[in-house]
Amino acid sequence: MIGTKGLICAFLVAFIVPNIYYFCFKPITLPDAISQNIAQAFKNSIPFALATTFF
C-alpha cells in the first residue's frame, strides 16, 4: 500500500510535471525541413530530461 508520504509525493509530481511540459513546449520551434516524427522526438526529449532531472 502507498503511505501518505508517497501519496503526497505522487500528487506533487502529477501537478508539476505537466507544467514543466507546458513551459518547455511553448518556446521550442524547429525548422519546417525537419520531419514531424524527428521534430516530435526532440520536442519530447527536452521536457522529459528536465522533469527527470528535477525529481
N, C-alpha and C. Protein backbone atom coordinates (compact mmCIF):
# COMPACT_ATOMS: atom_id res chain seq x y z
N MET A 1 0.84 -1.19 0.00
CA MET A 1 0.00 0.00 0.00
C MET A 1 0.88 1.25 0.00
N ILE A 2 0.36 2.28 -0.60
CA ILE A 2 1.06 3.56 -0.64
C ILE A 2 0.72 4.32 0.63
N GLY A 3 1.76 4.77 1.32
CA GLY A 3 1.54 5.55 2.52
C GLY A 3 1.21 6.99 2.18
N THR A 4 0.96 7.78 3.21
CA THR A 4 0.58 9.16 2.97
C THR A 4 1.72 9.98 2.37
N LYS A 5 2.95 9.67 2.73
CA LYS A 5 4.08 10.39 2.15
C LYS A 5 4.20 10.12 0.65
N GLY A 6 4.01 8.87 0.27
CA GLY A 6 4.06 8.52 -1.14
C GLY A 6 2.92 9.14 -1.93
N LEU A 7 1.76 9.23 -1.31
CA LEU A 7 0.60 9.81 -1.96
C LEU A 7 0.77 11.31 -2.17
N ILE A 8 1.30 11.99 -1.19
CA ILE A 8 1.57 13.43 -1.31
C ILE A 8 2.62 13.67 -2.39
N CYS A 9 3.64 12.86 -2.42
CA CYS A 9 4.68 12.97 -3.45
C CYS A 9 4.09 12.74 -4.83
N ALA A 10 3.22 11.76 -4.96
CA ALA A 10 2.59 11.47 -6.26
C ALA A 10 1.73 12.64 -6.72
N PHE A 11 1.00 13.27 -5.81
CA PHE A 11 0.19 14.45 -6.17
C PHE A 11 1.08 15.61 -6.62
N LEU A 12 2.17 15.84 -5.90
CA LEU A 12 3.06 16.93 -6.29
C LEU A 12 3.66 16.70 -7.67
N VAL A 13 4.11 15.49 -7.92
CA VAL A 13 4.68 15.17 -9.23
C VAL A 13 3.61 15.31 -10.31
N ALA A 14 2.39 14.85 -10.02
CA ALA A 14 1.31 14.93 -11.00
C ALA A 14 0.93 16.37 -11.33
N PHE A 15 1.13 17.30 -10.42
CA PHE A 15 0.81 18.70 -10.70
C PHE A 15 1.98 19.46 -11.32
N ILE A 16 3.19 19.06 -11.04
CA ILE A 16 4.36 19.81 -11.51
C ILE A 16 4.80 19.38 -12.91
N VAL A 17 4.80 18.08 -13.20
CA VAL A 17 5.31 17.59 -14.49
C VAL A 17 4.54 18.17 -15.69
N PRO A 18 3.20 18.21 -15.67
CA PRO A 18 2.52 18.83 -16.83
C PRO A 18 2.89 20.29 -17.03
N ASN A 19 3.15 21.01 -15.95
CA ASN A 19 3.57 22.41 -16.08
C ASN A 19 4.96 22.52 -16.69
N ILE A 20 5.85 21.60 -16.35
CA ILE A 20 7.18 21.58 -16.97
C ILE A 20 7.03 21.34 -18.47
N TYR A 21 6.19 20.39 -18.85
CA TYR A 21 5.98 20.12 -20.27
C TYR A 21 5.37 21.33 -20.97
N TYR A 22 4.41 21.99 -20.33
CA TYR A 22 3.76 23.15 -20.94
C TYR A 22 4.75 24.27 -21.21
N PHE A 23 5.59 24.58 -20.23
CA PHE A 23 6.54 25.67 -20.40
C PHE A 23 7.68 25.32 -21.35
N CYS A 24 7.97 24.03 -21.50
CA CYS A 24 9.02 23.63 -22.44
C CYS A 24 8.52 23.58 -23.87
N PHE A 25 7.26 23.21 -24.08
CA PHE A 25 6.75 23.09 -25.44
C PHE A 25 6.49 24.44 -26.09
N LYS A 26 6.18 25.46 -25.31
CA LYS A 26 5.86 26.76 -25.90
C LYS A 26 7.01 27.34 -26.72
N PRO A 27 8.24 27.45 -26.20
CA PRO A 27 9.28 28.14 -26.96
C PRO A 27 9.99 27.29 -28.02
N ILE A 28 9.79 25.98 -28.04
CA ILE A 28 10.53 25.13 -28.97
C ILE A 28 9.91 25.22 -30.37
N THR A 29 10.68 25.72 -31.31
CA THR A 29 10.26 25.72 -32.71
C THR A 29 11.42 25.19 -33.54
N LEU A 30 11.13 24.22 -34.37
CA LEU A 30 12.14 23.63 -35.23
C LEU A 30 11.83 24.00 -36.69
N PRO A 31 12.84 24.01 -37.55
CA PRO A 31 12.60 24.35 -38.96
C PRO A 31 11.63 23.38 -39.63
N ASP A 32 10.95 23.85 -40.67
CA ASP A 32 9.99 23.02 -41.38
C ASP A 32 10.65 21.89 -42.17
N ALA A 33 11.94 22.00 -42.44
CA ALA A 33 12.64 20.97 -43.21
C ALA A 33 12.78 19.66 -42.43
N ILE A 34 12.64 19.73 -41.12
CA ILE A 34 12.77 18.53 -40.29
C ILE A 34 11.45 17.77 -40.30
N SER A 35 11.53 16.46 -40.45
CA SER A 35 10.34 15.60 -40.45
C SER A 35 9.58 15.74 -39.14
N GLN A 36 8.26 15.58 -39.18
CA GLN A 36 7.42 15.72 -37.98
C GLN A 36 7.79 14.69 -36.92
N ASN A 37 8.10 13.46 -37.33
CA ASN A 37 8.44 12.41 -36.36
C ASN A 37 9.73 12.75 -35.62
N ILE A 38 10.72 13.22 -36.34
CA ILE A 38 12.00 13.57 -35.71
C ILE A 38 11.83 14.81 -34.84
N ALA A 39 11.08 15.78 -35.32
CA ALA A 39 10.85 17.00 -34.53
C ALA A 39 10.12 16.68 -33.24
N GLN A 40 9.13 15.80 -33.29
CA GLN A 40 8.39 15.44 -32.08
C GLN A 40 9.28 14.69 -31.09
N ALA A 41 10.20 13.89 -31.57
CA ALA A 41 11.11 13.18 -30.68
C ALA A 41 12.00 14.16 -29.93
N PHE A 42 12.50 15.19 -30.62
CA PHE A 42 13.31 16.19 -29.96
C PHE A 42 12.48 17.03 -29.00
N LYS A 43 11.26 17.36 -29.40
CA LYS A 43 10.39 18.16 -28.52
C LYS A 43 10.03 17.40 -27.26
N ASN A 44 9.90 16.09 -27.34
CA ASN A 44 9.56 15.30 -26.16
C ASN A 44 10.76 15.02 -25.26
N SER A 45 11.94 14.95 -25.82
CA SER A 45 13.10 14.59 -25.01
C SER A 45 13.55 15.71 -24.08
N ILE A 46 13.39 16.94 -24.47
CA ILE A 46 13.84 18.07 -23.62
C ILE A 46 13.00 18.17 -22.35
N PRO A 47 11.65 18.21 -22.41
CA PRO A 47 10.89 18.26 -21.16
C PRO A 47 11.06 17.01 -20.31
N PHE A 48 11.21 15.84 -20.95
CA PHE A 48 11.41 14.61 -20.19
C PHE A 48 12.70 14.68 -19.39
N ALA A 49 13.76 15.19 -20.02
CA ALA A 49 15.04 15.31 -19.33
C ALA A 49 14.95 16.31 -18.18
N LEU A 50 14.27 17.42 -18.39
CA LEU A 50 14.11 18.41 -17.31
C LEU A 50 13.29 17.85 -16.15
N ALA A 51 12.19 17.18 -16.45
CA ALA A 51 11.35 16.62 -15.38
C ALA A 51 12.08 15.54 -14.61
N THR A 52 12.83 14.69 -15.33
CA THR A 52 13.58 13.63 -14.68
C THR A 52 14.68 14.21 -13.80
N THR A 53 15.37 15.22 -14.28
CA THR A 53 16.43 15.86 -13.50
C THR A 53 15.85 16.57 -12.28
N PHE A 54 14.71 17.21 -12.45
CA PHE A 54 14.09 17.95 -11.34
C PHE A 54 13.69 17.01 -10.21
N PHE A 55 13.14 15.85 -10.54
CA PHE A 55 12.68 14.94 -9.50
C PHE A 55 13.70 13.89 -9.19
